N, C-alpha and C. Protein backbone atom coordinates (compact mmCIF):
# COMPACT_ATOMS: atom_id res chain seq x y z
N MET A 1 0.71 -1.27 0.54
CA MET A 1 -0.62 0.26 0.55
C MET A 1 0.43 1.91 0.06
N ALA A 2 0.23 1.99 -0.67
CA ALA A 2 1.37 3.67 -0.89
C ALA A 2 1.42 3.89 0.22
N ASN A 3 2.64 4.72 0.72
CA ASN A 3 2.38 5.27 1.71
C ASN A 3 2.86 7.20 2.72
N THR A 4 3.32 7.83 1.38
CA THR A 4 2.65 9.34 1.05
C THR A 4 1.71 9.46 0.02
N GLN A 5 1.95 10.67 0.03
CA GLN A 5 0.57 10.97 -1.21
C GLN A 5 1.35 11.61 -2.21
N SER A 6 3.14 11.32 -2.68
CA SER A 6 3.02 11.59 -3.57
C SER A 6 3.24 9.48 -3.88
N ALA A 7 2.63 9.19 -3.48
CA ALA A 7 2.76 7.31 -4.18
C ALA A 7 1.42 6.65 -4.32
N ILE A 8 0.23 7.73 -3.16
CA ILE A 8 -0.49 7.32 -3.53
C ILE A 8 -0.86 8.19 -5.05
N LYS A 9 -0.35 10.00 -5.67
CA LYS A 9 -1.19 9.89 -6.43
C LYS A 9 -0.73 8.89 -8.06
N ALA A 10 1.42 8.50 -7.11
CA ALA A 10 1.51 7.52 -8.57
C ALA A 10 0.79 6.36 -9.04
N ALA A 11 0.50 5.92 -7.54
CA ALA A 11 -0.17 4.91 -7.91
C ALA A 11 -1.52 4.40 -9.10
N ARG A 12 -2.22 6.51 -8.40
CA ARG A 12 -3.73 6.83 -9.05
C ARG A 12 -3.42 6.77 -10.83
N LYS A 13 -1.82 7.12 -10.71
CA LYS A 13 -1.75 7.32 -12.29
C LYS A 13 -0.65 6.40 -12.91
N THR A 14 -1.04 5.19 -12.23
CA THR A 14 -0.06 4.07 -12.91
C THR A 14 -1.07 3.39 -13.46
N VAL A 15 -2.75 3.47 -12.51
CA VAL A 15 -3.50 2.73 -13.13
C VAL A 15 -3.85 3.67 -14.69
N ARG A 16 -4.47 5.04 -13.64
CA ARG A 16 -4.81 5.64 -15.43
C ARG A 16 -3.74 5.18 -16.74
N LEU A 17 -2.51 5.70 -17.09
CA LEU A 17 -1.63 5.03 -17.72
C LEU A 17 -1.97 3.99 -18.20
N THR A 18 -2.11 3.11 -17.35
CA THR A 18 -1.49 1.66 -18.19
C THR A 18 -2.88 1.38 -18.53
N LEU A 19 -4.09 1.69 -18.46
CA LEU A 19 -5.58 1.78 -19.22
C LEU A 19 -4.67 2.07 -20.18
N ARG A 20 -4.71 3.34 -20.36
CA ARG A 20 -4.19 3.96 -21.52
C ARG A 20 -3.15 3.27 -22.65
N ASN A 21 -2.01 3.29 -22.03
CA ASN A 21 -1.70 1.48 -22.53
C ASN A 21 -1.41 0.86 -23.34
N LYS A 22 -3.00 0.45 -22.62
CA LYS A 22 -3.29 -1.41 -23.26
C LYS A 22 -3.99 -0.26 -24.33
N ALA A 23 -5.29 0.55 -24.55
CA ALA A 23 -6.50 0.55 -25.60
C ALA A 23 -5.33 0.89 -26.58
N LEU A 24 -4.46 1.66 -26.45
CA LEU A 24 -3.01 1.77 -28.10
C LEU A 24 -3.54 0.40 -28.18
N LYS A 25 -2.06 0.05 -27.52
CA LYS A 25 -2.12 -1.49 -27.66
C LYS A 25 -2.49 -2.24 -28.19
N THR A 26 -3.59 -2.00 -28.41
CA THR A 26 -5.03 -2.73 -28.44
C THR A 26 -4.96 -2.47 -29.78
N ARG A 27 -4.88 -1.77 -30.08
CA ARG A 27 -5.28 -0.63 -30.60
C ARG A 27 -4.64 -1.40 -31.88
N LEU A 28 -3.80 -0.77 -31.94
CA LEU A 28 -2.14 -1.04 -32.87
C LEU A 28 -2.87 -2.64 -33.29
N LYS A 29 -3.11 -3.32 -32.67
CA LYS A 29 -2.77 -5.43 -32.89
C LYS A 29 -4.03 -5.27 -33.88
N THR A 30 -4.79 -4.51 -33.53
CA THR A 30 -6.11 -4.79 -34.19
C THR A 30 -5.91 -4.26 -36.41
N LEU A 31 -5.35 -3.27 -35.57
CA LEU A 31 -4.74 -2.21 -36.78
C LEU A 31 -4.01 -3.31 -37.89
N HIS A 32 -2.49 -4.44 -37.23
CA HIS A 32 -1.69 -4.95 -38.35
C HIS A 32 -3.00 -5.94 -38.19
N LYS A 33 -4.29 -6.86 -37.96
CA LYS A 33 -4.14 -7.89 -38.25
C LYS A 33 -5.54 -7.06 -39.83
N GLY A 34 -5.48 -5.96 -39.39
CA GLY A 34 -6.76 -5.24 -40.27
C GLY A 34 -5.64 -5.55 -41.42
N LEU A 35 -4.08 -5.64 -41.48
CA LEU A 35 -3.59 -5.14 -42.88
C LEU A 35 -3.06 -5.69 -43.40
N ASP A 36 -3.06 -6.91 -42.35
CA ASP A 36 -2.89 -8.27 -42.54
C ASP A 36 -3.50 -8.82 -43.69
N ALA A 37 -4.77 -9.31 -43.66
CA ALA A 37 -5.62 -9.81 -43.62
C ALA A 37 -6.15 -8.51 -45.09
N ALA A 38 -5.45 -7.81 -45.45
CA ALA A 38 -5.89 -6.77 -46.74
C ALA A 38 -5.16 -7.26 -47.57
N VAL A 39 -3.86 -7.34 -47.06
CA VAL A 39 -2.80 -8.24 -47.99
C VAL A 39 -3.23 -8.81 -48.53
N LYS A 40 -4.06 -9.89 -46.98
CA LYS A 40 -3.38 -11.53 -47.95
C LYS A 40 -4.99 -11.85 -48.99
N SER A 41 -6.39 -10.65 -48.73
CA SER A 41 -6.58 -10.67 -50.67
C SER A 41 -6.51 -10.10 -50.92
N GLY A 42 -5.62 -9.80 -51.46
CA GLY A 42 -5.11 -9.68 -52.88
C GLY A 42 -5.56 -7.55 -53.75
N ASP A 43 -6.04 -7.35 -52.40
CA ASP A 43 -7.00 -5.67 -52.55
C ASP A 43 -5.87 -4.86 -52.68
N ALA A 44 -4.68 -3.77 -53.55
CA ALA A 44 -3.79 -3.33 -53.34
C ALA A 44 -4.15 -2.13 -52.42
N ALA A 45 -5.63 -1.31 -53.12
CA ALA A 45 -6.74 -0.01 -52.59
C ALA A 45 -6.40 -0.40 -50.78
N ALA A 46 -7.17 -1.75 -50.58
CA ALA A 46 -7.61 -2.11 -49.32
C ALA A 46 -6.13 -2.14 -48.17
N ALA A 47 -5.04 -2.65 -49.18
CA ALA A 47 -3.92 -2.90 -48.84
C ALA A 47 -3.61 -1.52 -47.87
N LYS A 48 -3.10 -0.81 -49.04
CA LYS A 48 -2.96 0.63 -48.96
C LYS A 48 -3.68 1.26 -47.96
N ALA A 49 -4.93 1.28 -48.01
CA ALA A 49 -5.11 2.44 -46.62
C ALA A 49 -4.79 1.90 -45.13
N ALA A 50 -5.58 0.60 -45.04
CA ALA A 50 -4.93 -0.10 -43.64
C ALA A 50 -3.23 -0.13 -43.78
N GLY A 51 -2.90 -0.13 -44.71
CA GLY A 51 -1.40 0.86 -43.99
C GLY A 51 -0.94 1.25 -43.12
N ARG A 52 -1.73 2.72 -44.31
CA ARG A 52 -2.13 4.16 -44.25
C ARG A 52 -2.63 4.34 -42.12
N ALA A 53 -3.37 3.51 -41.73
CA ALA A 53 -4.26 3.78 -40.76
C ALA A 53 -3.01 3.78 -39.77
N TYR A 54 -2.69 1.63 -39.97
CA TYR A 54 -1.33 1.42 -39.29
C TYR A 54 -0.16 2.79 -38.70
N LEU A 55 0.24 3.26 -39.74
CA LEU A 55 1.32 3.58 -39.60
C LEU A 55 0.77 4.41 -39.18
N SER A 56 -0.20 5.29 -38.97
CA SER A 56 -0.47 6.81 -38.88
C SER A 56 -0.64 6.39 -36.95
N ALA A 57 -1.09 5.03 -36.81
CA ALA A 57 -1.93 4.80 -35.10
C ALA A 57 -0.35 4.73 -34.39
N MET A 58 0.59 3.95 -35.63
CA MET A 58 1.64 3.49 -34.44
C MET A 58 2.88 4.86 -34.25
N ASP A 59 2.58 5.93 -35.01
CA ASP A 59 2.90 7.28 -35.54
C ASP A 59 2.52 8.02 -33.90
N LYS A 60 1.75 7.90 -33.99
CA LYS A 60 0.92 8.14 -32.43
C LYS A 60 1.55 7.83 -31.35
N ALA A 61 1.29 6.18 -31.46
CA ALA A 61 1.90 5.69 -30.13
C ALA A 61 3.29 6.03 -29.12
N VAL A 62 3.71 6.88 -30.37
CA VAL A 62 5.28 6.41 -30.56
C VAL A 62 5.88 8.65 -29.81
N LYS A 63 4.32 8.92 -30.57
CA LYS A 63 4.09 10.45 -29.67
C LYS A 63 3.93 10.46 -28.51
N SER A 64 2.94 9.74 -28.66
CA SER A 64 2.63 9.83 -26.56
C SER A 64 2.74 9.28 -25.95
N GLY A 65 4.55 8.30 -25.81
CA GLY A 65 5.55 7.12 -25.04
C GLY A 65 5.18 5.36 -25.19
N VAL A 66 3.90 5.21 -25.95
CA VAL A 66 3.63 3.72 -25.30
C VAL A 66 4.69 2.93 -26.63
N VAL A 67 5.39 3.56 -27.22
CA VAL A 67 6.03 2.42 -27.98
C VAL A 67 7.64 3.19 -28.12
N HIS A 68 8.82 2.25 -27.96
CA HIS A 68 9.51 3.26 -28.50
C HIS A 68 9.98 3.42 -30.21
N ARG A 69 10.31 4.25 -30.19
CA ARG A 69 11.19 4.62 -31.87
C ARG A 69 11.33 3.76 -32.88
N ASN A 70 12.09 2.87 -32.14
CA ASN A 70 13.21 2.32 -32.76
C ASN A 70 11.65 1.35 -33.11
N ALA A 71 11.21 0.38 -32.05
CA ALA A 71 10.25 -0.74 -31.59
C ALA A 71 9.34 0.12 -33.99
N ALA A 72 8.73 1.32 -32.55
CA ALA A 72 8.18 1.62 -33.88
C ALA A 72 8.18 1.67 -35.84
N SER A 73 10.08 2.15 -35.99
CA SER A 73 10.41 1.90 -36.82
C SER A 73 10.74 1.43 -37.53
N ARG A 74 10.62 0.13 -36.68
CA ARG A 74 10.86 -1.42 -37.21
C ARG A 74 9.43 -2.11 -37.22
N ALA A 75 8.99 -1.46 -37.27
CA ALA A 75 7.05 -2.13 -37.29
C ALA A 75 6.75 -1.65 -38.99
N LYS A 76 6.85 0.08 -38.77
CA LYS A 76 6.48 0.32 -40.18
C LYS A 76 7.48 0.11 -41.09
N SER A 77 8.56 -0.41 -40.30
CA SER A 77 9.45 -1.07 -42.76
C SER A 77 8.92 -1.82 -42.74
N HIS A 78 9.18 -2.77 -41.67
CA HIS A 78 8.34 -4.74 -41.29
C HIS A 78 6.97 -4.68 -42.82
N ALA A 79 5.65 -3.60 -42.11
CA ALA A 79 4.38 -2.88 -42.91
C ALA A 79 4.90 -3.30 -43.82
N ALA A 80 5.52 -1.64 -44.24
CA ALA A 80 5.79 -1.11 -45.71
C ALA A 80 6.15 -2.53 -46.68
N LYS A 81 7.11 -2.96 -46.36
CA LYS A 81 7.65 -4.17 -46.90
C LYS A 81 6.27 -5.27 -47.80
N TYR A 82 6.17 -5.55 -46.20
CA TYR A 82 4.34 -6.19 -46.81
C TYR A 82 3.50 -5.34 -47.65
N VAL A 83 3.29 -5.09 -47.88
CA VAL A 83 2.52 -4.01 -48.64
C VAL A 83 3.06 -3.66 -49.81
N LEU A 84 4.23 -3.60 -50.21
CA LEU A 84 4.73 -4.09 -51.37
C LEU A 84 5.09 -5.04 -52.24
N ALA A 85 5.46 -6.23 -51.12
CA ALA A 85 5.80 -7.05 -51.53
C ALA A 85 3.97 -7.69 -52.32
N LYS A 86 3.51 -7.72 -51.69
CA LYS A 86 2.79 -8.87 -52.33
C LYS A 86 1.36 -7.71 -54.20
């Protein structure tokens, strides 16, 4: 149990930020699955749109500190190669 005022506030903050991070990461996974499905379907326009949405969401996750910029850069690179290869 938190012992000081600052520890109590930190515990509240951790709960709030954990929920935000979980929501963003879940959204990223969903968008990635959508990108995967669009690429496998063979529809170039849908794959491009899904890729754009995924890359945008990844950039926003980096901006808010949920995903490390190098991890996002790697994921974006893989996604771009995936879309171009199919």
